[in-house]
Protein backbone atom coordinates (compact mmCIF):
# COMPACT_ATOMS: atom_id res chain seq x y z
CA UNK A 1 3.43 -9.80 4.79
CA UNK A 2 1.82 -7.94 7.69
CA UNK A 3 -1.49 -9.68 7.06
CA UNK A 4 0.25 -13.06 7.05
CA UNK A 5 1.90 -12.39 10.41
CA UNK A 6 -1.37 -11.11 11.91
CA UNK A 7 -3.31 -14.14 10.71
CA UNK A 8 -0.65 -16.53 12.02
CA UNK A 9 -0.71 -14.77 15.42
CA UNK A 10 -4.50 -15.15 15.57
CA UNK A 11 -4.25 -18.83 14.63
CA UNK A 12 -1.65 -19.48 17.35
CA UNK A 13 -3.78 -17.60 19.88
CA UNK A 14 -6.88 -19.61 18.93
CA UNK A 15 -4.88 -22.80 19.48
CA UNK A 16 -3.82 -21.69 22.96
CA UNK A 17 -0.28 -20.60 21.98
CA UNK A 18 -0.23 -16.81 22.37
CA UNK A 19 3.02 -15.26 21.13
CA UNK A 20 4.25 -18.66 19.84
CA UNK A 21 3.91 -18.51 16.07
CA UNK A 22 5.38 -21.45 14.19
CA UNK A 23 6.47 -21.84 10.58
CA UNK A 24 3.49 -24.17 10.18
CA UNK A 25 1.14 -21.36 11.27
CA UNK A 26 2.64 -19.05 8.65
CA UNK A 27 2.36 -21.73 5.94
CA UNK A 28 -1.27 -22.51 6.84
CA UNK A 29 -2.21 -18.84 6.64
CA UNK A 30 -0.23 -18.26 3.45
CA UNK A 31 -2.42 -20.77 1.67
CA UNK A 32 -5.60 -18.89 2.62
CA UNK A 33 -4.55 -15.32 1.78
CA UNK A 34 -5.28 -13.89 -1.67
CA UNK A 35 -2.70 -11.26 -2.72
CA UNK A 36 -3.99 -7.73 -3.42
CA UNK A 37 -2.61 -7.93 -6.96
CA UNK A 38 -5.12 -10.71 -7.63
CA UNK A 39 -7.90 -9.56 -5.33
CA UNK A 40 -8.11 -6.03 -6.75
CA UNK A 41 -6.15 -6.11 -10.00
CA UNK A 42 -7.92 -3.02 -11.35
CA UNK A 43 -6.73 -0.87 -8.41
CA UNK A 44 -3.18 -2.14 -8.84
CA UNK A 45 -3.28 -1.27 -12.55
CA UNK A 46 -4.50 2.26 -11.72
CA UNK A 47 -1.64 2.70 -9.24
CA UNK A 48 0.87 1.47 -11.83
CA UNK A 49 -0.53 3.87 -14.45
CA UNK A 50 -0.30 6.78 -12.01
CA UNK A 51 3.24 5.81 -11.01
CA UNK A 52 4.36 5.85 -14.63
CA UNK A 53 3.44 9.55 -14.85
CA UNK A 54 4.88 10.64 -11.50
CA UNK A 55 8.21 12.43 -11.12
CA UNK A 56 10.87 10.47 -9.25
CA UNK A 57 11.61 11.92 -5.83
CA UNK A 58 15.33 12.04 -6.61
CA UNK A 59 14.90 13.93 -9.91
CA UNK A 60 15.50 17.69 -10.04
CA UNK A 61 12.51 19.98 -9.85
CA UNK A 62 12.03 21.88 -13.09
CA UNK A 63 11.92 25.61 -12.48
CA UNK A 64 8.41 26.85 -13.15
CA UNK A 65 6.93 30.30 -13.20
CA UNK A 66 6.04 31.15 -9.61
CA UNK A 67 2.57 32.49 -8.92
CA UNK A 68 1.41 34.21 -5.80
CA UNK A 69 -0.62 32.18 -3.34
CA UNK A 70 -3.45 34.70 -3.66
CA UNK A 71 -3.71 34.09 -7.45
CA UNK A 72 -3.71 30.32 -6.90
CA UNK A 73 -6.38 30.63 -4.21
CA UNK A 74 -8.75 32.60 -6.43
CA UNK A 75 -8.06 30.40 -9.48
CA UNK A 76 -9.35 27.31 -7.60
CA UNK A 77 -12.60 28.90 -6.50
CA UNK A 78 -14.45 28.16 -9.77
């Protein structure tokens, strides 16, 4: 949606109508924009796969064994 508005603003500016976007400008630009879901379908599929494994922000955090920061720091140095 942001891209559509930006493109319509540029079109209006090019036609000598700065800050005067019309519905026609939006429709003209809509026909030329390819959605990300089509343009980069593989990236969208990767995001969807990742999202299916993520914990919902509103779900409770499962209590886990707490480790010291020092142990975590040294564990990641391999």
